[in-house]
């Protein structure tokens, strides 16, 4: 999978890092995990399917999200939340 783009586009509550997932012409030489990863990314990005819709192929929500994170399709919201929490704890007031 190529073409990593930082984008403001979101889908299903996640910020997309890729706007298109390129699929190989022949994926028969790929192992099953790689084929499944490609399928998940293709359904989410290219077809615009929700995570809930993708779970219908027999995967749980957590593993779908982990695949999308591992493949660089979506940004990790947990990292963004940690940065916001850290900023909130920083004091701006000068000592009295």
Foldseek 3Di string as FASTA:
>chain_A
DDDFAQDCDDAQHFGFRHQADDDDPDCPPPDPVVVVLSVLLCCCRVVVDHLVVVCVVPDDSVVSVVSCVVVRGTDDVVVVVVVVVVVVPDDDDDDD
